[in-house]
């Protein structure tokens, strides 16, 4: 892997799930979303590595209607 900073997993489907506290589009928490720009590459990679399990664990699906608001 290169030393490039990981890209944001944002999908522009910004809807927070009230049960899990995760975004239904990218599966990050609001704190992770807010801090993303100031996080180091290793921390971003750690978060990115957790996202598939969060989606599977929560059974979350992105809303069918697309971005809100």
PDB file of N, CA and C in Angstrom:
ATOM      1  N   UNK A   1       0.836  -1.188   0.000  1.00  0.00           N
ATOM      2  CA  UNK A   1       0.000   0.000   0.000  1.00  0.00           C
ATOM      3  C   UNK A   1       0.875   1.243   0.000  1.00  0.00           C
ATOM      4  N   UNK A   2       0.449   2.248  -0.684  1.00  0.00           N
ATOM      5  CA  UNK A   2       1.216   3.483  -0.752  1.00  0.00           C
ATOM      6  C   UNK A   2       1.026   4.298   0.517  1.00  0.00           C
ATOM      7  N   UNK A   3       1.808   5.350   0.648  1.00  0.00           N
ATOM      8  CA  UNK A   3       1.711   6.207   1.810  1.00  0.00           C
ATOM      9  C   UNK A   3       0.617   7.246   1.693  1.00  0.00           C
ATOM     10  N   UNK A   4      -0.202   7.152   0.654  1.00  0.00           N
ATOM     11  CA  UNK A   4      -1.278   8.128   0.454  1.00  0.00           C
ATOM     12  C   UNK A   4      -2.312   8.033   1.574  1.00  0.00           C
ATOM     13  N   UNK A   5      -2.869   9.170   1.918  1.00  0.00           N
ATOM     14  CA  UNK A   5      -3.901   9.243   2.946  1.00  0.00           C
ATOM     15  C   UNK A   5      -5.162   8.560   2.422  1.00  0.00           C
ATOM     16  N   UNK A   6      -5.780   7.677   3.201  1.00  0.00           N
ATOM     17  CA  UNK A   6      -7.002   7.007   2.744  1.00  0.00           C
ATOM     18  C   UNK A   6      -8.122   8.007   2.476  1.00  0.00           C
ATOM     19  N   UNK A   7      -8.897   7.738   1.442  1.00  0.00           N
ATOM     20  CA  UNK A   7     -10.036   8.582   1.104  1.00  0.00           C
ATOM     21  C   UNK A   7     -11.177   8.342   2.068  1.00  0.00           C
ATOM     22  N   UNK A   8     -12.010   9.332   2.199  1.00  0.00           N
ATOM     23  CA  UNK A   8     -13.206   9.217   3.029  1.00  0.00           C
ATOM     24  C   UNK A   8     -14.147   8.187   2.422  1.00  0.00           C
ATOM     25  N   UNK A   9     -14.788   7.369   3.260  1.00  0.00           N
ATOM     26  CA  UNK A   9     -15.761   6.406   2.750  1.00  0.00           C
ATOM     27  C   UNK A   9     -17.148   7.013   2.547  1.00  0.00           C
ATOM     28  N   UNK A  10     -17.256   8.321   2.662  1.00  0.00           N
ATOM     29  CA  UNK A  10     -18.548   8.994   2.530  1.00  0.00           C
ATOM     30  C   UNK A  10     -19.200   8.649   1.192  1.00  0.00           C
ATOM     31  N   UNK A  11     -20.488   8.328   1.243  1.00  0.00           N
ATOM     32  CA  UNK A  11     -21.254   8.006   0.046  1.00  0.00           C
ATOM     33  C   UNK A  11     -22.331   9.042  -0.240  1.00  0.00           C
ATOM     34  N   UNK A  12     -22.326  10.141   0.511  1.00  0.00           N
ATOM     35  CA  UNK A  12     -23.323  11.212   0.399  1.00  0.00           C
ATOM     36  C   UNK A  12     -24.723  10.726   0.760  1.00  0.00           C
ATOM     37  N   UNK A  13     -24.799   9.670   1.565  1.00  0.00           N
ATOM     38  CA  UNK A  13     -26.054   9.195   2.140  1.00  0.00           C
ATOM     39  C   UNK A  13     -25.901   9.428   3.632  1.00  0.00           C
ATOM     40  N   UNK A  14     -26.140  10.644   4.049  1.00  0.00           N
ATOM     41  CA  UNK A  14     -25.840  11.061   5.416  1.00  0.00           C
ATOM     42  C   UNK A  14     -27.078  10.971   6.295  1.00  0.00           C
ATOM     43  N   UNK A  15     -27.306   9.757   6.803  1.00  0.00           N
ATOM     44  CA  UNK A  15     -28.443   9.493   7.669  1.00  0.00           C
ATOM     45  C   UNK A  15     -27.917   8.681   8.845  1.00  0.00           C
ATOM     46  N   UNK A  16     -28.029   9.230  10.060  1.00  0.00           N
ATOM     47  CA  UNK A  16     -27.554   8.511  11.228  1.00  0.00           C
ATOM     48  C   UNK A  16     -28.616   7.533  11.721  1.00  0.00           C
ATOM     49  N   UNK A  17     -28.196   6.310  11.985  1.00  0.00           N
ATOM     50  CA  UNK A  17     -29.067   5.290  12.554  1.00  0.00           C
ATOM     51  C   UNK A  17     -29.125   5.524  14.054  1.00  0.00           C
ATOM     52  N   UNK A  18     -30.309   5.722  14.589  1.00  0.00           N
ATOM     53  CA  UNK A  18     -30.443   6.067  16.005  1.00  0.00           C
ATOM     54  C   UNK A  18     -30.060   4.920  16.930  1.00  0.00           C
ATOM     55  N   UNK A  19     -30.207   3.693  16.498  1.00  0.00           N
ATOM     56  CA  UNK A  19     -29.859   2.548  17.340  1.00  0.00           C
ATOM     57  C   UNK A  19     -28.350   2.338  17.430  1.00  0.00           C
ATOM     58  N   UNK A  20     -27.669   2.374  16.309  1.00  0.00           N
ATOM     59  CA  UNK A  20     -26.231   2.091  16.295  1.00  0.00           C
ATOM     60  C   UNK A  20     -25.377   3.342  16.454  1.00  0.00           C
ATOM     61  N   UNK A  21     -25.922   4.509  16.086  1.00  0.00           N
ATOM     62  CA  UNK A  21     -25.131   5.730  16.099  1.00  0.00           C
ATOM     63  C   UNK A  21     -24.221   5.866  14.891  1.00  0.00           C
ATOM     64  N   UNK A  22     -24.400   4.983  13.910  1.00  0.00           N
ATOM     65  CA  UNK A  22     -23.572   5.011  12.700  1.00  0.00           C
ATOM     66  C   UNK A  22     -24.359   5.580  11.526  1.00  0.00           C
ATOM     67  N   UNK A  23     -23.626   6.185  10.616  1.00  0.00           N
ATOM     68  CA  UNK A  23     -24.216   6.679   9.381  1.00  0.00           C
ATOM     69  C   UNK A  23     -24.618   5.481   8.526  1.00  0.00           C
ATOM     70  N   UNK A  24     -25.786   5.529   7.925  1.00  0.00           N
ATOM     71  CA  UNK A  24     -26.254   4.433   7.072  1.00  0.00           C
ATOM     72  C   UNK A  24     -25.558   4.415   5.720  1.00  0.00           C
ATOM     73  N   UNK A  25     -24.859   5.475   5.386  1.00  0.00           N
ATOM     74  CA  UNK A  25     -24.133   5.503   4.117  1.00  0.00           C
ATOM     75  C   UNK A  25     -22.711   4.986   4.237  1.00  0.00           C
ATOM     76  N   UNK A  26     -21.981   5.463   5.246  1.00  0.00           N
ATOM     77  CA  UNK A  26     -20.564   5.100   5.371  1.00  0.00           C
ATOM     78  C   UNK A  26     -20.246   4.263   6.598  1.00  0.00           C
ATOM     79  N   UNK A  27     -21.200   4.145   7.529  1.00  0.00           N
ATOM     80  CA  UNK A  27     -21.074   3.319   8.726  1.00  0.00           C
ATOM     81  C   UNK A  27     -20.064   3.844   9.744  1.00  0.00           C
ATOM     82  N   UNK A  28     -19.728   5.137   9.633  1.00  0.00           N
ATOM     83  CA  UNK A  28     -18.892   5.760  10.655  1.00  0.00           C
ATOM     84  C   UNK A  28     -19.788   6.418  11.697  1.00  0.00           C
ATOM     85  N   UNK A  29     -19.222   6.645  12.892  1.00  0.00           N
ATOM     86  CA  UNK A  29     -19.941   7.388  13.918  1.00  0.00           C
ATOM     87  C   UNK A  29     -19.835   8.878  13.601  1.00  0.00           C
ATOM     88  N   UNK A  30     -20.674   9.678  14.243  1.00  0.00           N
ATOM     89  CA  UNK A  30     -20.616  11.120  14.032  1.00  0.00           C
ATOM     90  C   UNK A  30     -19.264  11.673  14.465  1.00  0.00           C
ATOM     91  N   UNK A  31     -18.686  11.122  15.523  1.00  0.00           N
ATOM     92  CA  UNK A  31     -17.377  11.575  15.983  1.00  0.00           C
ATOM     93  C   UNK A  31     -16.300  11.268  14.938  1.00  0.00           C
ATOM     94  N   UNK A  32     -16.377  10.093  14.325  1.00  0.00           N
ATOM     95  CA  UNK A  32     -15.389   9.734  13.295  1.00  0.00           C
ATOM     96  C   UNK A  32     -15.551  10.612  12.062  1.00  0.00           C
ATOM     97  N   UNK A  33     -16.783  10.898  11.690  1.00  0.00           N
ATOM     98  CA  UNK A  33     -17.035  11.762  10.539  1.00  0.00           C
ATOM     99  C   UNK A  33     -16.468  13.155  10.800  1.00  0.00           C
ATOM    100  N   UNK A  34     -16.749  13.689  11.982  1.00  0.00           N
ATOM    101  CA  UNK A  34     -16.293  15.040  12.319  1.00  0.00           C
ATOM    102  C   UNK A  34     -14.778  15.129  12.379  1.00  0.00           C
ATOM    103  N   UNK A  35     -14.119  14.086  12.854  1.00  0.00           N
ATOM    104  CA  UNK A  35     -12.664  14.116  13.030  1.00  0.00           C
ATOM    105  C   UNK A  35     -11.891  13.680  11.792  1.00  0.00           C
ATOM    106  N   UNK A  36     -12.548  13.148  10.796  1.00  0.00           N
ATOM    107  CA  UNK A  36     -11.871  12.509   9.658  1.00  0.00           C
ATOM    108  C   UNK A  36     -10.748  13.362   9.069  1.00  0.00           C
ATOM    109  N   UNK A  37     -10.981  14.613   8.845  1.00  0.00           N
ATOM    110  CA  UNK A  37      -9.986  15.483   8.221  1.00  0.00           C
ATOM    111  C   UNK A  37      -8.720  15.669   9.034  1.00  0.00           C
ATOM    112  N   UNK A  38      -8.805  15.498  10.331  1.00  0.00           N
ATOM    113  CA  UNK A  38      -7.626  15.699  11.176  1.00  0.00           C
ATOM    114  C   UNK A  38      -6.983  14.389  11.630  1.00  0.00           C
ATOM    115  N   UNK A  39      -7.553  13.257  11.258  1.00  0.00           N
ATOM    116  CA  UNK A  39      -6.984  11.971  11.654  1.00  0.00           C
ATOM    117  C   UNK A  39      -5.782  11.607  10.797  1.00  0.00           C
ATOM    118  N   UNK A  40      -4.872  10.867  11.381  1.00  0.00           N
ATOM    119  CA  UNK A  40      -3.730  10.364  10.629  1.00  0.00           C
ATOM    120  C   UNK A  40      -4.129   9.163   9.785  1.00  0.00           C
ATOM    121  N   UNK A  41      -3.267   8.806   8.860  1.00  0.00           N
ATOM    122  CA  UNK A  41      -3.549   7.700   7.956  1.00  0.00           C
ATOM    123  C   UNK A  41      -3.788   6.383   8.660  1.00  0.00           C
ATOM    124  N   UNK A  42      -3.024   6.092   9.698  1.00  0.00           N
ATOM    125  CA  UNK A  42      -3.188   4.826  10.422  1.00  0.00           C
ATOM    126  C   UNK A  42      -4.548   4.755  11.103  1.00  0.00           C
ATOM    127  N   UNK A  43      -4.991   5.860  11.686  1.00  0.00           N
ATOM    128  CA  UNK A  43      -6.295   5.885  12.341  1.00  0.00           C
ATOM    129  C   UNK A  43      -7.415   5.755  11.312  1.00  0.00           C
ATOM    130  N   UNK A  44      -7.266   6.395  10.164  1.00  0.00           N
ATOM    131  CA  UNK A  44      -8.266   6.258   9.104  1.00  0.00           C
ATOM    132  C   UNK A  44      -8.339   4.809   8.637  1.00  0.00           C
ATOM    133  N   UNK A  45      -7.180   4.173   8.480  1.00  0.00           N
ATOM    134  CA  UNK A  45      -7.153   2.767   8.063  1.00  0.00           C
ATOM    135  C   UNK A  45      -7.832   1.876   9.097  1.00  0.00           C
ATOM    136  N   UNK A  46      -7.614   2.169  10.372  1.00  0.00           N
ATOM    137  CA  UNK A  46      -8.251   1.393  11.436  1.00  0.00           C
ATOM    138  C   UNK A  46      -9.771   1.493  11.326  1.00  0.00           C
ATOM    139  N   UNK A  47     -10.268   2.721  11.142  1.00  0.00           N
ATOM    140  CA  UNK A  47     -11.715   2.928  11.017  1.00  0.00           C
ATOM    141  C   UNK A  47     -12.248   2.224   9.772  1.00  0.00           C
ATOM    142  N   UNK A  48     -11.565   2.392   8.655  1.00  0.00           N
ATOM    143  CA  UNK A  48     -12.001   1.746   7.419  1.00  0.00           C
ATOM    144  C   UNK A  48     -12.076   0.228   7.579  1.00  0.00           C
ATOM    145  N   UNK A  49     -11.144  -0.329   8.347  1.00  0.00           N
ATOM    146  CA  UNK A  49     -11.138  -1.763   8.584  1.00  0.00           C
ATOM    147  C   UNK A  49     -12.315  -2.248   9.418  1.00  0.00           C
ATOM    148  N   UNK A  50     -12.884  -1.376  10.225  1.00  0.00           N
ATOM    149  CA  UNK A  50     -14.019  -1.734  11.074  1.00  0.00           C
ATOM    150  C   UNK A  50     -15.369  -1.637  10.359  1.00  0.00           C
ATOM    151  N   UNK A  51     -15.428  -0.906   9.269  1.00  0.00           N
ATOM    152  CA  UNK A  51     -16.710  -0.614   8.635  1.00  0.00           C
ATOM    153  C   UNK A  51     -17.469  -1.847   8.135  1.00  0.00           C
ATOM    154  N   UNK A  52     -16.827  -2.803   7.479  1.00  0.00           N
ATOM    155  CA  UNK A  52     -17.592  -3.971   7.025  1.00  0.00           C
ATOM    156  C   UNK A  52     -18.259  -4.732   8.173  1.00  0.00           C
ATOM    157  N   UNK A  53     -17.563  -4.883   9.283  1.00  0.00           N
ATOM    158  CA  UNK A  53     -18.137  -5.589  10.433  1.00  0.00           C
ATOM    159  C   UNK A  53     -19.301  -4.806  11.030  1.00  0.00           C
ATOM    160  N   UNK A  54     -19.192  -3.498  11.060  1.00  0.00           N
ATOM    161  CA  UNK A  54     -20.293  -2.678  11.583  1.00  0.00           C
ATOM    162  C   UNK A  54     -21.533  -2.865  10.745  1.00  0.00           C
ATOM    163  N   UNK A  55     -21.347  -2.857   9.444  1.00  0.00           N
ATOM    164  CA  UNK A  55     -22.491  -3.019   8.553  1.00  0.00           C
ATOM    165  C   UNK A  55     -23.128  -4.388   8.756  1.00  0.00           C
ATOM    166  N   UNK A  56     -22.315  -5.418   8.838  1.00  0.00           N
ATOM    167  CA  UNK A  56     -22.831  -6.773   9.013  1.00  0.00           C
ATOM    168  C   UNK A  56     -23.491  -6.946  10.383  1.00  0.00           C
ATOM    169  N   UNK A  57     -22.859  -6.419  11.411  1.00  0.00           N
ATOM    170  CA  UNK A  57     -23.364  -6.569  12.779  1.00  0.00           C
ATOM    171  C   UNK A  57     -24.700  -5.860  12.953  1.00  0.00           C
ATOM    172  N   UNK A  58     -24.806  -4.685  12.385  1.00  0.00           N
ATOM    173  CA  UNK A  58     -26.020  -3.899  12.560  1.00  0.00           C
ATOM    174  C   UNK A  58     -27.107  -4.199  11.550  1.00  0.00           C
ATOM    175  N   UNK A  59     -26.758  -4.932  10.500  1.00  0.00           N
ATOM    176  CA  UNK A  59     -27.741  -5.195   9.459  1.00  0.00           C
ATOM    177  C   UNK A  59     -28.213  -3.929   8.783  1.00  0.00           C
ATOM    178  N   UNK A  60     -27.382  -2.893   8.815  1.00  0.00           N
ATOM    179  CA  UNK A  60     -27.780  -1.597   8.262  1.00  0.00           C
ATOM    180  C   UNK A  60     -27.723  -1.612   6.741  1.00  0.00           C
ATOM    181  N   UNK A  61     -28.666  -0.977   6.154  1.00  0.00           N
ATOM    182  CA  UNK A  61     -28.702  -0.791   4.704  1.00  0.00           C
ATOM    183  C   UNK A  61     -28.877   0.687   4.428  1.00  0.00           C
ATOM    184  N   UNK A  62     -28.186   1.223   3.440  1.00  0.00           N
ATOM    185  CA  UNK A  62     -28.392   2.634   3.098  1.00  0.00           C
ATOM    186  C   UNK A  62     -29.840   2.892   2.708  1.00  0.00           C
ATOM    187  N   UNK A  63     -30.376   4.063   3.042  1.00  0.00           N
ATOM    188  CA  UNK A  63     -31.746   4.398   2.646  1.00  0.00           C
ATOM    189  C   UNK A  63     -31.873   4.387   1.119  1.00  0.00           C
ATOM    190  N   UNK A  64     -32.987   3.951   0.618  1.00  0.00           N
ATOM    191  CA  UNK A  64     -33.190   3.832  -0.825  1.00  0.00           C
ATOM    192  C   UNK A  64     -33.319   5.182  -1.509  1.00  0.00           C
ATOM    193  N   UNK A  65     -33.676   6.218  -0.771  1.00  0.00           N
ATOM    194  CA  UNK A  65     -33.972   7.510  -1.384  1.00  0.00           C
ATOM    195  C   UNK A  65     -32.761   8.380  -1.684  1.00  0.00           C
ATOM    196  N   UNK A  66     -31.570   7.996  -1.232  1.00  0.00           N
ATOM    197  CA  UNK A  66     -30.388   8.800  -1.474  1.00  0.00           C
ATOM    198  C   UNK A  66     -30.175   9.828  -0.385  1.00  0.00           C
ATOM    199  N   UNK A  67     -29.310  10.825  -0.646  1.00  0.00           N
ATOM    200  CA  UNK A  67     -28.967  11.815   0.385  1.00  0.00           C
ATOM    201  C   UNK A  67     -30.186  12.599   0.868  1.00  0.00           C
ATOM    202  N   UNK A  68     -30.186  12.850   2.136  1.00  0.00           N
ATOM    203  CA  UNK A  68     -31.263  13.647   2.721  1.00  0.00           C
ATOM    204  C   UNK A  68     -30.925  15.118   2.690  1.00  0.00           C
ATOM    205  N   UNK A  69     -31.931  15.918   2.567  1.00  0.00           N
ATOM    206  CA  UNK A  69     -31.799  17.316   2.785  1.00  0.00           C
ATOM    207  C   UNK A  69     -31.289  18.141   1.750  1.00  0.00           C
TER     208      UNK A  69
END
